[in-house]
Amino acid sequence: MTTASDEIERQVVEIFASLTQRDPATIGSGDTMEALGVDSLCMVEGIFAIEETFDVSVPFNANDPGAAPVDLSTVGSVVEAVRTLLSQKAA
């Protein structure tokens, strides 16, 4: 049985797999954006895809990704950010 949390992770992985032209099975939650070859432009595209997929607004500064109020450094941290944004939206 797939939980909503598993579905969020699957969708985030699929977004980054599509952007990096990788097999989703090769992407893990501990993978960094750098290791996946995600540059700032690719990250912006990923953020747009996440916002569209989950109907959330992701705070992100393309000029300084480290300044974002959420951690977007790994696949797992992006999944956690999406979970947080969805829970804030539901509240």
Protein backbone atom coordinates (compact mmCIF):
# COMPACT_ATOMS: atom_id res chain seq x y z
CA MET A 1 0.00 0.00 0.00
CA THR A 2 1.37 3.39 -1.00
CA THR A 3 1.08 6.23 1.50
CA ALA A 4 0.69 9.90 0.62
CA SER A 5 4.25 10.42 1.85
CA ASP A 6 5.55 7.72 -0.52
CA GLU A 7 3.63 9.36 -3.37
CA ILE A 8 5.21 12.74 -2.62
CA GLU A 9 8.68 11.20 -2.71
CA ARG A 10 7.90 9.33 -5.93
CA GLN A 11 6.69 12.50 -7.63
CA VAL A 12 9.69 14.57 -6.48
CA VAL A 13 12.07 11.84 -7.70
CA GLU A 14 10.26 11.72 -11.04
CA ILE A 15 10.56 15.50 -11.42
CA PHE A 16 14.32 15.42 -10.89
CA ALA A 17 14.72 12.27 -12.98
CA SER A 18 12.99 14.02 -15.86
CA LEU A 19 15.09 17.16 -15.49
CA THR A 20 18.36 15.24 -15.34
CA GLN A 21 17.37 12.53 -17.83
CA ARG A 22 18.02 9.78 -15.29
CA ASP A 23 16.18 6.61 -14.40
CA PRO A 24 14.12 7.37 -11.25
CA ALA A 25 15.38 4.09 -9.75
CA THR A 26 18.91 5.56 -9.69
CA ILE A 27 17.89 8.56 -7.57
CA GLY A 28 17.92 8.29 -3.77
CA SER A 29 16.83 10.61 -1.02
CA GLY A 30 20.43 11.27 0.01
CA ASP A 31 21.49 12.41 -3.46
CA THR A 32 22.56 16.03 -3.56
CA MET A 33 21.43 18.34 -6.31
CA GLU A 34 25.08 18.76 -7.26
CA ALA A 35 25.59 14.99 -7.58
CA LEU A 36 22.56 14.81 -9.86
CA GLY A 37 23.96 17.59 -12.03
CA VAL A 38 21.23 20.05 -11.04
CA ASP A 39 22.49 23.57 -11.70
CA SER A 40 20.64 26.78 -10.78
CA LEU A 41 18.57 26.83 -13.98
CA CYS A 42 17.61 23.19 -13.56
CA MET A 43 16.70 23.87 -9.92
CA VAL A 44 14.42 26.72 -10.95
CA GLU A 45 12.73 24.39 -13.44
CA GLY A 46 12.42 21.80 -10.68
CA ILE A 47 10.86 24.33 -8.32
CA PHE A 48 8.33 25.33 -11.00
CA ALA A 49 7.48 21.66 -11.58
CA ILE A 50 7.07 21.06 -7.84
CA GLU A 51 4.85 24.12 -7.48
CA GLU A 52 2.69 22.98 -10.38
CA THR A 53 2.53 19.34 -9.29
CA PHE A 54 1.71 20.00 -5.64
CA ASP A 55 -0.02 23.41 -5.93
CA VAL A 56 2.36 25.03 -3.43
CA SER A 57 4.67 28.03 -3.48
CA VAL A 58 8.30 27.14 -2.80
CA PRO A 59 10.39 29.99 -1.37
CA PHE A 60 13.57 29.98 -3.43
CA ASN A 61 16.21 32.55 -4.36
CA ALA A 62 17.73 31.53 -7.70
CA ASN A 63 20.58 33.99 -7.21
CA ASP A 64 21.53 32.40 -3.88
CA PRO A 65 20.05 28.91 -3.42
CA GLY A 66 21.70 28.66 0.00
CA ALA A 67 19.59 31.60 1.19
CA ALA A 68 16.29 29.77 0.63
CA PRO A 69 14.26 29.42 3.85
CA VAL A 70 13.87 25.69 3.13
CA ASP A 71 16.61 23.13 2.58
CA LEU A 72 16.74 22.13 -1.07
CA SER A 73 20.18 20.53 -1.03
CA THR A 74 19.18 16.87 -1.39
CA VAL A 75 16.28 14.93 -2.86
CA GLY A 76 15.20 13.99 0.66
CA SER A 77 15.28 17.59 1.87
CA VAL A 78 13.15 18.65 -1.11
CA VAL A 79 10.66 15.91 -0.23
CA GLU A 80 10.56 17.16 3.37
CA ALA A 81 10.10 20.75 2.16
CA VAL A 82 7.15 19.67 0.01
CA ARG A 83 5.63 17.77 2.95
CA THR A 84 6.01 20.87 5.14
CA LEU A 85 4.52 23.16 2.51
CA LEU A 86 1.57 20.80 2.00
CA SER A 87 0.91 20.59 5.74
CA GLN A 88 1.06 24.40 6.03
CA LYS A 89 -1.35 24.68 3.13
CA ALA A 90 -3.78 22.23 4.77
CA ALA A 91 -3.74 24.14 8.07
